[in-house]
C-alpha atoms as a PDB file:
ATOM      1  CA  MET A   1      68.806  99.638  96.301  1.00  0.00           C
ATOM      2  CA  ARG A   2      69.993  96.286  94.982  1.00  0.00           C
ATOM      3  CA  ARG A   3      73.472  97.728  94.227  1.00  0.00           C
ATOM      4  CA  ALA A   4      73.727  99.155  97.755  1.00  0.00           C
ATOM      5  CA  LEU A   5      72.843  95.738  99.182  1.00  0.00           C
ATOM      6  CA  GLU A   6      75.498  94.056  96.989  1.00  0.00           C
ATOM      7  CA  VAL A   7      78.133  96.542  98.186  1.00  0.00           C
ATOM      8  CA  LEU A   8      77.091  95.990 101.814  1.00  0.00           C
ATOM      9  CA  VAL A   9      77.315  92.185 101.429  1.00  0.00           C
ATOM     10  CA  PHE A  10      80.743  92.568  99.797  1.00  0.00           C
ATOM     11  CA  LEU A  11      82.035  94.767 102.647  1.00  0.00           C
ATOM     12  CA  VAL A  12      80.702  92.396 105.294  1.00  0.00           C
ATOM     13  CA  SER A  13      82.379  89.444 103.525  1.00  0.00           C
ATOM     14  CA  LEU A  14      85.711  91.314 103.525  1.00  0.00           C
ATOM     15  CA  LEU A  15      85.412  91.976 107.255  1.00  0.00           C
ATOM     16  CA  ALA A  16      84.481  88.355 107.915  1.00  0.00           C
ATOM     17  CA  ALA A  17      87.432  87.105 105.849  1.00  0.00           C
ATOM     18  CA  ASP A  18      89.805  89.414 107.724  1.00  0.00           C
ATOM     19  CA  TYR A  19      88.431  88.123 111.038  1.00  0.00           C
ATOM     20  CA  LEU A  20      88.534  84.456 110.026  1.00  0.00           C
ATOM     21  CA  PHE A  21      92.064  84.582 108.636  1.00  0.00           C
ATOM     22  CA  ALA A  22      93.650  86.873 111.232  1.00  0.00           C
ATOM     23  CA  ALA A  23      96.497  85.446 113.296  1.00  0.00           C
ATOM     24  CA  THR A  24      95.372  83.806 116.531  1.00  0.00           C
ATOM     25  CA  PRO A  25      96.705  85.454 119.709  1.00  0.00           C
ATOM     26  CA  LEU A  26      99.350  83.588 121.727  1.00  0.00           C
ATOM     27  CA  THR A  27      99.828  84.835 125.282  1.00  0.00           C
ATOM     28  CA  GLN A  28     101.854  82.181 127.101  1.00  0.00           C
ATOM     29  CA  LEU A  29     104.898  80.001 126.465  1.00  0.00           C
ATOM     30  CA  GLY A  30     106.441  77.059 128.278  1.00  0.00           C
ATOM     31  CA  ARG A  31     103.626  74.529 128.571  1.00  0.00           C
ATOM     32  CA  ALA A  32     104.564  72.452 125.512  1.00  0.00           C
ATOM     33  CA  SER A  33     108.331  72.721 125.423  1.00  0.00           C
ATOM     34  CA  LEU A  34     110.446  71.271 122.637  1.00  0.00           C
ATOM     35  CA  MET A  35     113.892  71.557 124.248  1.00  0.00           C
ATOM     36  CA  GLY A  36     113.132  73.060 127.677  1.00  0.00           C
ATOM     37  CA  PRO A  37     114.125  76.472 129.028  1.00  0.00           C
ATOM     38  CA  ILE A  38     117.351  77.984 127.645  1.00  0.00           C
ATOM     39  CA  GLU A  39     119.511  80.273 129.788  1.00  0.00           C
ATOM     40  CA  ASP A  40     122.311  81.325 127.436  1.00  0.00           C
ATOM     41  CA  GLU A  41     123.834  80.915 123.975  1.00  0.00           C
ATOM     42  CA  GLN A  42     126.022  77.970 125.043  1.00  0.00           C
ATOM     43  CA  GLU A  43     122.984  76.097 126.338  1.00  0.00           C
ATOM     44  CA  LEU A  44     121.128  76.932 123.105  1.00  0.00           C
ATOM     45  CA  TYR A  45     123.963  75.370 121.093  1.00  0.00           C
ATOM     46  CA  GLU A  46     124.063  72.265 123.311  1.00  0.00           C
ATOM     47  CA  LYS A  47     120.310  71.765 123.088  1.00  0.00           C
ATOM     48  CA  VAL A  48     120.157  72.310 119.317  1.00  0.00           C
ATOM     49  CA  CYS A  49     122.832  69.590 118.971  1.00  0.00           C
ATOM     50  CA  GLU A  50     121.110  67.285 121.496  1.00  0.00           C
ATOM     51  CA  PHE A  51     117.654  67.666 119.952  1.00  0.00           C
ATOM     52  CA  ARG A  52     118.874  67.685 116.334  1.00  0.00           C
ATOM     53  CA  PRO A  53     116.645  64.766 115.156  1.00  0.00           C
ATOM     54  CA  ASP A  54     113.529  66.414 116.642  1.00  0.00           C
ATOM     55  CA  LEU A  55     114.455  69.789 115.153  1.00  0.00           C
ATOM     56  CA  VAL A  56     114.905  68.225 111.700  1.00  0.00           C
ATOM     57  CA  LYS A  57     111.427  66.639 111.967  1.00  0.00           C
ATOM     58  CA  VAL A  58     109.868  69.908 113.124  1.00  0.00           C
ATOM     59  CA  VAL A  59     111.533  71.941 110.345  1.00  0.00           C
ATOM     60  CA  LYS A  60     110.200  69.403 107.798  1.00  0.00           C
ATOM     61  CA  MET A  61     106.717  69.868 109.269  1.00  0.00           C
ATOM     62  CA  MET A  62     107.124  73.662 109.254  1.00  0.00           C
ATOM     63  CA  ASP A  63     108.194  73.897 105.617  1.00  0.00           C
ATOM     64  CA  PRO A  64     108.497  70.718 103.512  1.00  0.00           C
ATOM     65  CA  SER A  65     110.253  72.699 100.748  1.00  0.00           C
ATOM     66  CA  LEU A  66     113.313  73.332 102.969  1.00  0.00           C
ATOM     67  CA  ASP A  67     116.206  70.907 103.313  1.00  0.00           C
ATOM     68  CA  ALA A  68     115.541  70.406 107.029  1.00  0.00           C
ATOM     69  CA  SER A  69     118.859  68.701 107.823  1.00  0.00           C
ATOM     70  CA  GLU A  70     120.767  71.530 106.154  1.00  0.00           C
ATOM     71  CA  ALA A  71     118.661  74.152 107.957  1.00  0.00           C
ATOM     72  CA  VAL A  72     119.471  72.625 111.356  1.00  0.00           C
ATOM     73  CA  ARG A  73     123.162  72.200 110.429  1.00  0.00           C
ATOM     74  CA  LEU A  74     123.364  75.875 109.410  1.00  0.00           C
ATOM     75  CA  THR A  75     121.619  76.853 112.649  1.00  0.00           C
ATOM     76  CA  GLU A  76     124.240  74.944 114.665  1.00  0.00           C
ATOM     77  CA  VAL A  77     127.044  76.675 112.729  1.00  0.00           C
ATOM     78  CA  GLU A  78     125.558  80.140 113.251  1.00  0.00           C
ATOM     79  CA  ILE A  79     125.124  79.573 116.995  1.00  0.00           C
ATOM     80  CA  LYS A  80     128.618  78.069 117.374  1.00  0.00           C
ATOM     81  CA  ASN A  81     130.080  81.099 115.566  1.00  0.00           C
ATOM     82  CA  GLY A  82     128.380  83.493 117.991  1.00  0.00           C
ATOM     83  CA  ARG A  83     125.679  84.689 115.628  1.00  0.00           C
ATOM     84  CA  ALA A  84     122.658  83.865 117.781  1.00  0.00           C
ATOM     85  CA  ILE A  85     121.273  87.262 118.783  1.00  0.00           C
ATOM     86  CA  LYS A  86     119.660  87.627 122.196  1.00  0.00           C
ATOM     87  CA  THR A  87     116.469  89.597 121.634  1.00  0.00           C
ATOM     88  CA  ASP A  88     113.027  90.411 122.944  1.00  0.00           C
ATOM     89  CA  CYS A  89     110.182  89.965 120.471  1.00  0.00           C
ATOM     90  CA  PRO A  90     107.573  92.624 121.295  1.00  0.00           C
ATOM     91  CA  LYS A  91     103.822  92.289 121.472  1.00  0.00           C
ATOM     92  CA  GLY A  92     102.564  92.057 117.908  1.00  0.00           C
ATOM     93  CA  THR A  93     105.364  89.771 116.681  1.00  0.00           C
ATOM     94  CA  ILE A  94     103.963  87.406 114.057  1.00  0.00           C
ATOM     95  CA  ILE A  95     104.811  83.766 114.680  1.00  0.00           C
ATOM     96  CA  GLU A  96     104.456  82.317 111.202  1.00  0.00           C
ATOM     97  CA  VAL A  97     105.030  78.798 112.498  1.00  0.00           C
ATOM     98  CA  MET A  98     106.207  77.307 115.812  1.00  0.00           C
ATOM     99  CA  GLY A  99     107.323  73.741 116.463  1.00  0.00           C
ATOM    100  CA  PHE A 100     106.779  72.266 119.921  1.00  0.00           C
ATOM    101  CA  ARG A 101     106.290  68.981 121.755  1.00  0.00           C
ATOM    102  CA  GLY A 102     102.636  68.502 122.673  1.00  0.00           C
ATOM    103  CA  LYS A 103     100.682  65.587 124.113  1.00  0.00           C
ATOM    104  CA  ALA A 104     100.571  64.002 120.645  1.00  0.00           C
ATOM    105  CA  GLY A 105     104.330  64.373 120.102  1.00  0.00           C
ATOM    106  CA  LEU A 106     106.000  66.893 117.801  1.00  0.00           C
ATOM    107  CA  GLN A 107     103.492  69.457 116.544  1.00  0.00           C
ATOM    108  CA  ILE A 108     103.324  72.883 114.932  1.00  0.00           C
ATOM    109  CA  LEU A 109     101.213  76.009 115.303  1.00  0.00           C
ATOM    110  CA  ARG A 110     100.752  78.406 112.417  1.00  0.00           C
ATOM    111  CA  ASP A 111      99.767  82.070 112.182  1.00  0.00           C
ATOM    112  CA  ARG A 112      99.943  83.271 115.761  1.00  0.00           C
ATOM    113  CA  VAL A 113     100.610  86.770 117.045  1.00  0.00           C
ATOM    114  CA  TRP A 114     102.389  87.327 120.355  1.00  0.00           C
ATOM    115  CA  GLN A 115     100.059  89.111 122.802  1.00  0.00           C
ATOM    116  CA  GLY A 116     101.699  88.228 126.123  1.00  0.00           C
ATOM    117  CA  ASN A 117     102.109  90.651 129.006  1.00  0.00           C
ATOM    118  CA  LYS A 118     105.849  90.904 128.367  1.00  0.00           C
ATOM    119  CA  PRO A 119     108.082  90.489 125.303  1.00  0.00           C
ATOM    120  CA  MET A 120     109.187  86.972 124.311  1.00  0.00           C
ATOM    121  CA  SER A 121     112.855  86.724 125.238  1.00  0.00           C
ATOM    122  CA  GLY A 122     115.059  84.362 123.299  1.00  0.00           C
ATOM    123  CA  TRP A 123     117.534  84.031 120.445  1.00  0.00           C
ATOM    124  CA  ILE A 124     117.207  84.886 116.753  1.00  0.00           C
ATOM    125  CA  VAL A 125     119.328  82.900 114.303  1.00  0.00           C
ATOM    126  CA  CYS A 126     119.253  83.939 110.627  1.00  0.00           C
ATOM    127  CA  ILE A 127     120.152  81.246 108.119  1.00  0.00           C
ATOM    128  CA  ARG A 128     120.334  81.377 104.336  1.00  0.00           C
ATOM    129  CA  ILE A 129     119.253  78.374 102.296  1.00  0.00           C
ATOM    130  CA  GLY A 130     119.805  79.085  98.630  1.00  0.00           C
ATOM    131  CA  ALA A 131     118.302  82.513  97.939  1.00  0.00           C
ATOM    132  CA  ARG A 132     116.003  82.320 100.947  1.00  0.00           C
ATOM    133  CA  GLU A 133     116.711  83.841 104.363  1.00  0.00           C
ATOM    134  CA  VAL A 134     114.913  82.271 107.310  1.00  0.00           C
ATOM    135  CA  LYS A 135     114.733  84.012 110.700  1.00  0.00           C
ATOM    136  CA  LEU A 136     114.490  81.339 113.404  1.00  0.00           C
ATOM    137  CA  PHE A 137     113.531  82.307 116.950  1.00  0.00           C
ATOM    138  CA  PHE A 138     114.146  80.134 120.012  1.00  0.00           C
ATOM    139  CA  PRO A 139     112.124  81.434 123.009  1.00  0.00           C
ATOM    140  CA  GLY A 140     114.158  81.134 126.207  1.00  0.00           C
ATOM    141  CA  ASP A 141     111.125  80.043 128.253  1.00  0.00           C
ATOM    142  CA  CYS A 142     110.436  76.882 126.258  1.00  0.00           C
ATOM    143  CA  GLY A 143     113.142  76.188 123.673  1.00  0.00           C
ATOM    144  CA  ASN A 144     110.645  75.847 120.849  1.00  0.00           C
ATOM    145  CA  ILE A 145     111.664  76.697 117.297  1.00  0.00           C
ATOM    146  CA  SER A 146     109.758  79.404 115.430  1.00  0.00           C
ATOM    147  CA  VAL A 147     109.816  81.440 112.258  1.00  0.00           C
ATOM    148  CA  VAL A 148     108.929  85.026 113.205  1.00  0.00           C
ATOM    149  CA  ARG A 149     108.285  88.462 111.718  1.00  0.00           C
ATOM    150  CA  MET A 150     108.634  91.411 114.088  1.00  0.00           C
ATOM    151  CA  PRO A 151     106.385  94.474 113.849  1.00  0.00           C
END
Protein backbone atom coordinates (compact mmCIF):
# COMPACT_ATOMS: atom_id res chain seq x y z
CA MET A 1 0.00 0.00 0.00
CA ARG A 2 2.80 2.38 0.93
CA ARG A 3 4.60 1.69 -2.40
CA ALA A 4 1.40 2.38 -4.35
CA LEU A 5 1.01 5.69 -2.52
CA GLU A 6 4.65 6.63 -3.30
CA VAL A 7 4.10 5.86 -7.00
CA LEU A 8 0.88 7.90 -7.01
CA VAL A 9 2.62 10.89 -5.37
CA PHE A 10 5.46 10.60 -7.90
CA LEU A 11 3.04 10.57 -10.86
CA VAL A 12 1.10 13.54 -9.51
CA SER A 13 4.36 15.48 -9.03
CA LEU A 14 5.33 14.79 -12.66
CA LEU A 15 1.96 16.07 -13.87
CA ALA A 16 2.24 19.15 -11.67
CA ALA A 17 5.77 19.87 -12.93
CA ASP A 18 4.61 19.52 -16.54
CA TYR A 19 1.74 21.93 -15.85
CA LEU A 20 3.88 24.45 -13.97
CA PHE A 21 6.66 24.53 -16.54
CA ALA A 22 4.56 24.37 -19.71
CA ALA A 23 4.78 27.31 -22.10
CA THR A 24 2.21 30.02 -21.43
CA PRO A 25 -0.26 30.63 -24.28
CA LEU A 26 0.06 33.85 -26.29
CA THR A 27 -2.99 34.76 -28.36
CA GLN A 28 -2.54 38.38 -29.43
CA LEU A 29 0.21 40.62 -30.79
CA GLY A 30 0.53 44.35 -31.33
CA ARG A 31 -0.19 45.87 -27.93
CA ALA A 32 3.44 46.26 -26.82
CA SER A 33 5.25 46.94 -30.07
CA LEU A 34 9.01 47.24 -30.31
CA MET A 35 9.30 48.70 -33.83
CA GLY A 36 5.66 49.02 -34.94
CA PRO A 37 3.87 47.15 -37.73
CA ILE A 38 6.02 46.01 -40.68
CA GLU A 39 4.56 45.77 -44.18
CA ASP A 40 7.44 44.41 -46.26
CA GLU A 41 11.10 43.36 -46.27
CA GLN A 42 12.33 46.88 -47.11
CA GLU A 43 10.47 48.32 -44.13
CA LEU A 44 11.86 45.51 -41.95
CA TYR A 45 15.40 46.49 -42.99
CA GLU A 46 14.75 50.20 -42.37
CA LYS A 47 13.28 49.55 -38.93
CA VAL A 48 16.04 47.14 -37.87
CA CYS A 49 18.56 49.87 -38.78
CA GLU A 50 16.50 52.62 -37.09
CA PHE A 51 15.93 50.65 -33.89
CA ARG A 52 19.41 49.10 -33.78
CA PRO A 53 20.29 50.34 -30.24
CA ASP A 54 17.01 48.96 -28.84
CA LEU A 55 17.48 45.65 -30.66
CA VAL A 56 21.01 45.29 -29.26
CA LYS A 57 19.65 45.86 -25.72
CA VAL A 58 16.83 43.37 -26.25
CA VAL A 59 19.16 40.70 -27.68
CA LYS A 60 21.44 41.15 -24.63
CA MET A 61 18.40 40.64 -22.39
CA MET A 62 17.29 37.62 -24.43
CA ASP A 63 20.65 35.84 -24.29
CA PRO A 64 23.59 37.46 -22.46
CA SER A 65 25.97 34.86 -23.96
CA LEU A 66 25.45 36.24 -27.50
CA ASP A 67 27.43 39.14 -28.93
CA ALA A 68 24.30 41.28 -29.31
CA SER A 69 25.87 43.92 -31.57
CA GLU A 70 27.15 41.22 -33.92
CA ALA A 71 23.77 39.46 -33.90
CA VAL A 72 21.97 42.65 -34.95
CA ARG A 73 24.66 43.45 -37.56
CA LEU A 74 24.30 39.96 -39.06
CA THR A 75 20.51 40.37 -39.05
CA GLU A 76 20.83 43.63 -41.02
CA VAL A 77 23.15 41.92 -43.54
CA GLU A 78 20.80 38.96 -44.02
CA ILE A 79 17.78 41.23 -44.57
CA LYS A 80 19.70 43.54 -46.93
CA ASN A 81 20.81 40.50 -48.95
CA GLY A 82 17.21 39.33 -49.37
CA ARG A 83 17.37 36.47 -46.90
CA ALA A 84 14.46 37.48 -44.68
CA ILE A 85 11.80 34.85 -45.36
CA LYS A 86 8.16 35.88 -45.24
CA THR A 87 6.37 33.17 -43.28
CA ASP A 88 3.36 32.30 -41.18
CA CYS A 89 4.12 30.69 -37.82
CA PRO A 90 1.26 28.27 -37.09
CA LYS A 91 -0.59 27.69 -33.86
CA GLY A 92 1.74 25.75 -31.59
CA THR A 93 4.88 27.71 -32.52
CA ILE A 94 7.12 27.96 -29.47
CA ILE A 95 8.30 31.49 -28.73
CA GLU A 96 11.42 30.82 -26.70
CA VAL A 97 11.89 34.52 -26.00
CA MET A 98 10.32 37.73 -27.35
CA GLY A 99 11.58 41.28 -26.88
CA PHE A 100 9.06 44.12 -26.85
CA ARG A 101 8.50 47.63 -25.53
CA GLY A 102 6.15 47.57 -22.55
CA LYS A 103 5.06 50.21 -20.05
CA ALA A 104 8.34 49.72 -18.16
CA GLY A 105 10.47 50.09 -21.30
CA LEU A 106 12.25 47.26 -23.11
CA GLN A 107 11.15 43.88 -21.78
CA ILE A 108 11.16 40.20 -22.67
CA LEU A 109 8.75 37.28 -22.43
CA ARG A 110 10.01 33.72 -22.22
CA ASP A 111 8.44 30.34 -22.97
CA ARG A 112 5.24 31.22 -24.77
CA VAL A 113 3.32 29.17 -27.31
CA TRP A 114 1.34 30.84 -30.08
CA GLN A 115 -2.38 30.04 -29.70
CA GLY A 116 -3.94 32.87 -31.71
CA ASN A 117 -6.89 32.45 -34.04
CA LYS A 118 -4.65 32.86 -37.09
CA PRO A 119 -0.96 32.20 -37.81
CA MET A 120 1.60 34.86 -36.84
CA SER A 121 2.72 36.46 -40.09
CA GLY A 122 6.17 37.97 -40.27
CA TRP A 123 9.78 37.41 -41.30
CA ILE A 124 12.28 34.74 -40.26
CA VAL A 125 15.97 35.66 -40.37
CA CYS A 126 18.51 32.92 -39.63
CA ILE A 127 21.90 34.08 -38.39
CA ARG A 128 24.97 32.09 -37.42
CA ILE A 129 27.13 33.25 -34.52
CA GLY A 130 30.09 30.93 -34.16
CA ALA A 131 28.72 27.38 -34.23
CA ARG A 132 25.26 28.49 -33.16
CA GLU A 133 22.33 29.16 -35.50
CA VAL A 134 19.64 31.50 -34.21
CA LYS A 135 16.23 31.75 -35.90
CA LEU A 136 14.88 35.27 -35.34
CA PHE A 137 11.23 36.04 -36.08
CA PHE A 138 9.83 39.54 -36.58
CA PRO A 139 5.99 39.49 -36.41
CA GLY A 140 4.53 41.88 -38.97
CA ASP A 141 1.79 43.06 -36.58
CA CYS A 142 4.15 44.47 -33.96
CA GLY A 143 7.78 44.41 -35.11
CA ASN A 144 8.95 42.62 -31.98
CA ILE A 145 12.00 40.36 -32.11
CA SER A 146 11.63 36.71 -31.14
CA VAL A 147 13.49 33.43 -31.12
CA VAL A 148 11.05 30.74 -32.28
CA ARG A 149 10.73 26.99 -32.83
CA MET A 150 7.98 25.86 -35.18
CA PRO A 151 6.01 22.65 -34.61
